[in-house]
C-alpha cells in the first residue's frame, strides 16, 4: 500500500523538478551537507526573489533533467544535492551562492546548467565574477549616451567650421583682389 502512495508523490516531485529545469534560465547544483536549517534559510534569501532552492533526491533529479532535455549532468547528481532554479539573473544567483559558500564552506557548488549548456563549478564562479545585467546595461547606456553627445558636438561644430571657412575664403578673395587692384592701377598710369 505504501508503494502505491509513494509513486504518485515521486511522479509529482519529478514533474515539479522537470518544470524547474524547463522554466529556469539556469540551474545550479550544490552539496549542502552539514548546513543547518537557519543557514539554508539565509542561503535562500541571498539568492534573490527569482531563485528557488530545493533539496532533491538524485534519482528523481536525473529523471527530471532527462525529461527536460538535459542529459549531461548525471555525474553532478551524487551525494546530498540541492538545486537552485534561477528564473531571473543567473549572475545574481551565482554571486549569492559564491558569497554564501565563502562564509559557509559546507556549501559546495557542483556545477549547473545555463540555457541548456552544462557549467562546471569554475564556470559558476566566473559567472559570479561578472557584473549584473543591470550594471552592464547601465554601462552600455552610458557609453551610447557619450557617443551620442560626441556626435551631437561634431554635428554642431560643422556649421561653425563651415562659416569660418566661408569667412576665410572671403578674406582671401578680398586680399587677392586688393593686391591686384594696385598693380592694375600702376599699369594704367604707365
C-alpha atoms as a PDB file:
ATOM      1  CA  UNK A   1       0.000   0.000   0.000  1.00  0.00           C
ATOM      2  CA  UNK A   2       2.862   2.378   0.808  1.00  0.00           C
ATOM      3  CA  UNK A   3       4.393   1.844  -2.659  1.00  0.00           C
ATOM      4  CA  UNK A   4       1.248   2.933  -4.439  1.00  0.00           C
ATOM      5  CA  UNK A   5       1.108   6.120  -2.360  1.00  0.00           C
ATOM      6  CA  UNK A   6       4.815   6.853  -2.855  1.00  0.00           C
ATOM      7  CA  UNK A   7       4.695   6.590  -6.630  1.00  0.00           C
ATOM      8  CA  UNK A   8       2.255   9.462  -7.187  1.00  0.00           C
ATOM      9  CA  UNK A   9       4.373  11.556  -4.795  1.00  0.00           C
ATOM     10  CA  UNK A  10       7.509  10.710  -6.760  1.00  0.00           C
ATOM     11  CA  UNK A  11       5.762  11.456 -10.043  1.00  0.00           C
ATOM     12  CA  UNK A  12       4.660  14.822  -8.683  1.00  0.00           C
ATOM     13  CA  UNK A  13       8.201  15.552  -7.442  1.00  0.00           C
ATOM     14  CA  UNK A  14       9.661  14.632 -10.840  1.00  0.00           C
ATOM     15  CA  UNK A  15       7.098  16.824 -12.611  1.00  0.00           C
ATOM     16  CA  UNK A  16       7.953  19.746 -10.320  1.00  0.00           C
ATOM     17  CA  UNK A  17      11.695  19.291 -10.902  1.00  0.00           C
ATOM     18  CA  UNK A  18      11.166  18.941 -14.651  1.00  0.00           C
ATOM     19  CA  UNK A  19       9.236  22.200 -14.621  1.00  0.00           C
ATOM     20  CA  UNK A  20      12.062  23.792 -12.645  1.00  0.00           C
ATOM     21  CA  UNK A  21      14.621  22.746 -15.260  1.00  0.00           C
ATOM     22  CA  UNK A  22      12.419  23.835 -18.179  1.00  0.00           C
ATOM     23  CA  UNK A  23      11.236  27.159 -16.758  1.00  0.00           C
ATOM     24  CA  UNK A  24      14.572  28.361 -15.392  1.00  0.00           C
ATOM     25  CA  UNK A  25      17.286  30.299 -17.157  1.00  0.00           C
ATOM     26  CA  UNK A  26      19.814  28.390 -15.057  1.00  0.00           C
ATOM     27  CA  UNK A  27      20.007  25.599 -12.509  1.00  0.00           C
ATOM     28  CA  UNK A  28      22.917  25.344 -10.079  1.00  0.00           C
ATOM     29  CA  UNK A  29      23.550  22.064  -8.274  1.00  0.00           C
ATOM     30  CA  UNK A  30      25.078  22.195  -4.813  1.00  0.00           C
ATOM     31  CA  UNK A  31      26.015  19.931  -1.957  1.00  0.00           C
ATOM     32  CA  UNK A  32      24.615  21.194   1.316  1.00  0.00           C
ATOM     33  CA  UNK A  33      25.817  18.508   3.768  1.00  0.00           C
ATOM     34  CA  UNK A  34      26.163  19.932   7.283  1.00  0.00           C
ATOM     35  CA  UNK A  35      24.223  23.173   6.788  1.00  0.00           C
ATOM     36  CA  UNK A  36      21.636  23.988   9.439  1.00  0.00           C
ATOM     37  CA  UNK A  37      18.064  24.910   8.614  1.00  0.00           C
ATOM     38  CA  UNK A  38      18.841  28.520   9.617  1.00  0.00           C
ATOM     39  CA  UNK A  39      21.771  28.574   7.174  1.00  0.00           C
ATOM     40  CA  UNK A  40      19.586  27.102   4.432  1.00  0.00           C
ATOM     41  CA  UNK A  41      17.017  29.861   5.054  1.00  0.00           C
ATOM     42  CA  UNK A  42      19.762  32.505   4.870  1.00  0.00           C
ATOM     43  CA  UNK A  43      21.002  30.942   1.627  1.00  0.00           C
ATOM     44  CA  UNK A  44      17.538  31.007   0.072  1.00  0.00           C
ATOM     45  CA  UNK A  45      17.207  34.702   0.928  1.00  0.00           C
ATOM     46  CA  UNK A  46      20.640  35.513  -0.502  1.00  0.00           C
ATOM     47  CA  UNK A  47      19.742  34.010  -3.876  1.00  0.00           C
ATOM     48  CA  UNK A  48      17.107  36.608  -4.669  1.00  0.00           C
ATOM     49  CA  UNK A  49      13.368  36.522  -5.230  1.00  0.00           C
ATOM     50  CA  UNK A  50      13.513  34.823  -8.614  1.00  0.00           C
ATOM     51  CA  UNK A  51      15.522  31.812  -7.465  1.00  0.00           C
ATOM     52  CA  UNK A  52      14.159  28.772  -5.670  1.00  0.00           C
ATOM     53  CA  UNK A  53      16.453  26.425  -3.770  1.00  0.00           C
ATOM     54  CA  UNK A  54      15.243  22.881  -3.200  1.00  0.00           C
ATOM     55  CA  UNK A  55      16.764  19.741  -1.735  1.00  0.00           C
ATOM     56  CA  UNK A  56      16.197  16.836  -4.124  1.00  0.00           C
ATOM     57  CA  UNK A  57      16.726  13.121  -4.443  1.00  0.00           C
ATOM     58  CA  UNK A  58      19.344  12.423  -7.094  1.00  0.00           C
ATOM     59  CA  UNK A  59      17.359   9.689  -8.830  1.00  0.00           C
ATOM     60  CA  UNK A  60      14.349  11.980  -9.190  1.00  0.00           C
ATOM     61  CA  UNK A  61      16.539  14.886 -10.358  1.00  0.00           C
ATOM     62  CA  UNK A  62      18.166  12.661 -13.017  1.00  0.00           C
ATOM     63  CA  UNK A  63      14.750  11.641 -14.355  1.00  0.00           C
ATOM     64  CA  UNK A  64      13.543  15.257 -14.310  1.00  0.00           C
ATOM     65  CA  UNK A  65      16.675  16.506 -16.072  1.00  0.00           C
ATOM     66  CA  UNK A  66      16.275  13.901 -18.815  1.00  0.00           C
ATOM     67  CA  UNK A  67      12.582  14.776 -19.154  1.00  0.00           C
ATOM     68  CA  UNK A  68      13.588  18.428 -19.554  1.00  0.00           C
ATOM     69  CA  UNK A  69      16.126  17.516 -22.268  1.00  0.00           C
ATOM     70  CA  UNK A  70      19.237  17.889 -20.100  1.00  0.00           C
ATOM     71  CA  UNK A  71      21.341  14.768 -20.417  1.00  0.00           C
ATOM     72  CA  UNK A  72      24.860  15.585 -19.266  1.00  0.00           C
ATOM     73  CA  UNK A  73      24.542  16.382 -15.545  1.00  0.00           C
ATOM     74  CA  UNK A  74      24.238  12.871 -14.114  1.00  0.00           C
ATOM     75  CA  UNK A  75      27.785  12.975 -12.697  1.00  0.00           C
ATOM     76  CA  UNK A  76      26.830  16.098 -10.701  1.00  0.00           C
ATOM     77  CA  UNK A  77      23.951  14.264  -9.059  1.00  0.00           C
ATOM     78  CA  UNK A  78      25.890  12.399  -6.364  1.00  0.00           C
ATOM     79  CA  UNK A  79      25.781  12.920  -2.618  1.00  0.00           C
ATOM     80  CA  UNK A  80      23.306  15.250  -0.954  1.00  0.00           C
ATOM     81  CA  UNK A  81      22.046  17.584  -3.667  1.00  0.00           C
ATOM     82  CA  UNK A  82      20.071  20.796  -3.682  1.00  0.00           C
ATOM     83  CA  UNK A  83      19.257  22.714  -6.839  1.00  0.00           C
ATOM     84  CA  UNK A  84      18.913  26.474  -7.241  1.00  0.00           C
ATOM     85  CA  UNK A  85      16.445  27.096 -10.065  1.00  0.00           C
ATOM     86  CA  UNK A  86      17.157  30.612 -11.365  1.00  0.00           C
ATOM     87  CA  UNK A  87      14.369  32.362 -13.225  1.00  0.00           C
ATOM     88  CA  UNK A  88      15.926  35.834 -13.011  1.00  0.00           C
ATOM     89  CA  UNK A  89      19.503  36.988 -13.451  1.00  0.00           C
ATOM     90  CA  UNK A  90      21.881  33.983 -13.245  1.00  0.00           C
ATOM     91  CA  UNK A  91      24.739  36.308 -12.270  1.00  0.00           C
ATOM     92  CA  UNK A  92      22.858  37.475  -9.161  1.00  0.00           C
ATOM     93  CA  UNK A  93      22.188  33.901  -8.056  1.00  0.00           C
ATOM     94  CA  UNK A  94      25.786  32.834  -8.774  1.00  0.00           C
ATOM     95  CA  UNK A  95      27.048  35.763  -6.668  1.00  0.00           C
ATOM     96  CA  UNK A  96      24.697  34.757  -3.855  1.00  0.00           C
ATOM     97  CA  UNK A  97      25.965  31.169  -3.927  1.00  0.00           C
ATOM     98  CA  UNK A  98      29.625  32.246  -4.124  1.00  0.00           C
ATOM     99  CA  UNK A  99      29.305  34.703  -1.253  1.00  0.00           C
ATOM    100  CA  UNK A 100      27.365  32.245   0.911  1.00  0.00           C
ATOM    101  CA  UNK A 101      29.919  29.490   0.214  1.00  0.00           C
ATOM    102  CA  UNK A 102      32.754  31.819   1.295  1.00  0.00           C
ATOM    103  CA  UNK A 103      31.052  32.357   4.646  1.00  0.00           C
ATOM    104  CA  UNK A 104      29.804  28.738   4.891  1.00  0.00           C
ATOM    105  CA  UNK A 105      32.355  26.312   3.403  1.00  0.00           C
ATOM    106  CA  UNK A 106      29.931  23.396   3.876  1.00  0.00           C
ATOM    107  CA  UNK A 107      28.060  24.600   0.772  1.00  0.00           C
ATOM    108  CA  UNK A 108      29.817  23.190  -2.282  1.00  0.00           C
ATOM    109  CA  UNK A 109      28.830  24.264  -5.793  1.00  0.00           C
ATOM    110  CA  UNK A 110      28.979  21.181  -8.033  1.00  0.00           C
ATOM    111  CA  UNK A 111      28.060  22.782 -11.358  1.00  0.00           C
ATOM    112  CA  UNK A 112      24.903  23.527 -13.251  1.00  0.00           C
ATOM    113  CA  UNK A 113      23.114  24.330 -16.462  1.00  0.00           C
ATOM    114  CA  UNK A 114      22.706  27.710 -18.171  1.00  0.00           C
ATOM    115  CA  UNK A 115      20.422  27.944 -21.197  1.00  0.00           C
ATOM    116  CA  UNK A 116      20.732  24.182 -21.695  1.00  0.00           C
ATOM    117  CA  UNK A 117      24.564  24.237 -21.564  1.00  0.00           C
ATOM    118  CA  UNK A 118      26.395  22.373 -18.790  1.00  0.00           C
ATOM    119  CA  UNK A 119      28.519  24.501 -16.459  1.00  0.00           C
ATOM    120  CA  UNK A 120      31.325  23.385 -14.170  1.00  0.00           C
ATOM    121  CA  UNK A 121      31.820  24.781 -10.668  1.00  0.00           C
ATOM    122  CA  UNK A 122      34.553  27.027 -12.138  1.00  0.00           C
ATOM    123  CA  UNK A 123      32.100  28.318 -14.753  1.00  0.00           C
ATOM    124  CA  UNK A 124      29.667  29.245 -11.974  1.00  0.00           C
ATOM    125  CA  UNK A 125      32.478  31.141 -10.205  1.00  0.00           C
ATOM    126  CA  UNK A 126      33.292  33.009 -13.429  1.00  0.00           C
ATOM    127  CA  UNK A 127      29.598  33.810 -13.831  1.00  0.00           C
ATOM    128  CA  UNK A 128      29.553  35.194 -10.288  1.00  0.00           C
ATOM    129  CA  UNK A 129      32.508  37.444 -11.131  1.00  0.00           C
ATOM    130  CA  UNK A 130      30.554  39.112 -13.935  1.00  0.00           C
ATOM    131  CA  UNK A 131      28.712  42.321 -13.305  1.00  0.00           C
ATOM    132  CA  UNK A 132      24.950  42.049 -13.053  1.00  0.00           C
ATOM    133  CA  UNK A 133      22.728  42.546 -16.067  1.00  0.00           C
ATOM    134  CA  UNK A 134      21.544  45.923 -14.751  1.00  0.00           C
ATOM    135  CA  UNK A 135      25.115  47.205 -14.310  1.00  0.00           C
ATOM    136  CA  UNK A 136      26.115  46.034 -17.793  1.00  0.00           C
ATOM    137  CA  UNK A 137      23.015  47.679 -19.305  1.00  0.00           C
ATOM    138  CA  UNK A 138      23.757  50.912 -17.420  1.00  0.00           C
ATOM    139  CA  UNK A 139      27.337  50.902 -18.718  1.00  0.00           C
ATOM    140  CA  UNK A 140      26.091  50.273 -22.249  1.00  0.00           C
ATOM    141  CA  UNK A 141      23.577  53.106 -21.946  1.00  0.00           C
ATOM    142  CA  UNK A 142      26.296  55.410 -20.621  1.00  0.00           C
ATOM    143  CA  UNK A 143      28.621  54.546 -23.488  1.00  0.00           C
ATOM    144  CA  UNK A 144      25.845  55.082 -26.017  1.00  0.00           C
ATOM    145  CA  UNK A 145      24.942  58.420 -24.423  1.00  0.00           C
ATOM    146  CA  UNK A 146      28.594  59.531 -24.566  1.00  0.00           C
ATOM    147  CA  UNK A 147      28.819  58.581 -28.255  1.00  0.00           C
ATOM    148  CA  UNK A 148      25.588  60.433 -28.996  1.00  0.00           C
ATOM    149  CA  UNK A 149      26.867  63.531 -27.177  1.00  0.00           C
ATOM    150  CA  UNK A 150      30.101  63.302 -29.145  1.00  0.00           C
ATOM    151  CA  UNK A 151      28.152  63.008 -32.418  1.00  0.00           C
ATOM    152  CA  UNK A 152      25.940  65.969 -31.469  1.00  0.00           C
ATOM    153  CA  UNK A 153      29.017  68.086 -30.712  1.00  0.00           C
ATOM    154  CA  UNK A 154      30.505  67.131 -34.085  1.00  0.00           C
ATOM    155  CA  UNK A 155      27.295  67.974 -35.910  1.00  0.00           C
ATOM    156  CA  UNK A 156      27.050  71.302 -34.074  1.00  0.00           C
ATOM    157  CA  UNK A 157      30.682  72.102 -34.926  1.00  0.00           C
ATOM    158  CA  UNK A 158      30.173  71.555 -38.672  1.00  0.00           C
ATOM    159  CA  UNK A 159      28.135  74.740 -39.359  1.00  0.00           C
ATOM    160  CA  UNK A 160      30.592  76.796 -37.281  1.00  0.00           C
ATOM    161  CA  UNK A 161      33.542  75.380 -39.202  1.00  0.00           C
ATOM    162  CA  UNK A 162      31.725  75.979 -42.478  1.00  0.00           C
ATOM    163  CA  UNK A 163      31.077  79.622 -41.507  1.00  0.00           C
ATOM    164  CA  UNK A 164      34.753  80.088 -40.567  1.00  0.00           C
ATOM    165  CA  UNK A 165      35.824  78.565 -43.874  1.00  0.00           C
ATOM    166  CA  UNK A 166      33.497  80.862 -45.817  1.00  0.00           C
ATOM    167  CA  UNK A 167      34.816  83.884 -43.894  1.00  0.00           C
ATOM    168  CA  UNK A 168      38.441  82.842 -44.575  1.00  0.00           C
ATOM    169  CA  UNK A 169      37.707  82.424 -48.303  1.00  0.00           C
ATOM    170  CA  UNK A 170      36.047  85.828 -48.401  1.00  0.00           C
ATOM    171  CA  UNK A 171      39.020  87.452 -46.648  1.00  0.00           C
ATOM    172  CA  UNK A 172      41.422  85.694 -49.020  1.00  0.00           C
ATOM    173  CA  UNK A 173      39.490  86.932 -52.076  1.00  0.00           C
ATOM    174  CA  UNK A 174      39.436  90.430 -50.655  1.00  0.00           C
ATOM    175  CA  UNK A 175      43.178  90.274 -50.021  1.00  0.00           C
ATOM    176  CA  UNK A 176      43.887  88.950 -53.515  1.00  0.00           C
ATOM    177  CA  UNK A 177      41.517  91.466 -55.097  1.00  0.00           C
ATOM    178  CA  UNK A 178      43.130  94.274 -53.073  1.00  0.00           C
ATOM    179  CA  UNK A 179      46.632  93.195 -54.153  1.00  0.00           C
ATOM    180  CA  UNK A 180      45.565  93.042 -57.822  1.00  0.00           C
ATOM    181  CA  UNK A 181      43.962  96.500 -57.705  1.00  0.00           C
ATOM    182  CA  UNK A 182      47.191  98.490 -57.011  1.00  0.00           C
ATOM    183  CA  UNK A 183      49.038  96.508 -59.683  1.00  0.00           C
ATOM    184  CA  UNK A 184      46.247  97.287 -62.165  1.00  0.00           C
ATOM    185  CA  UNK A 185      46.368 100.997 -61.242  1.00  0.00           C
ATOM    186  CA  UNK A 186      50.159 101.056 -61.658  1.00  0.00           C
ATOM    187  CA  UNK A 187      49.962  99.546 -65.143  1.00  0.00           C
ATOM    188  CA  UNK A 188      47.235 102.016 -66.143  1.00  0.00           C
ATOM    189  CA  UNK A 189      49.386 105.001 -65.075  1.00  0.00           C
ATOM    190  CA  UNK A 190      52.342 103.823 -67.118  1.00  0.00           C
END
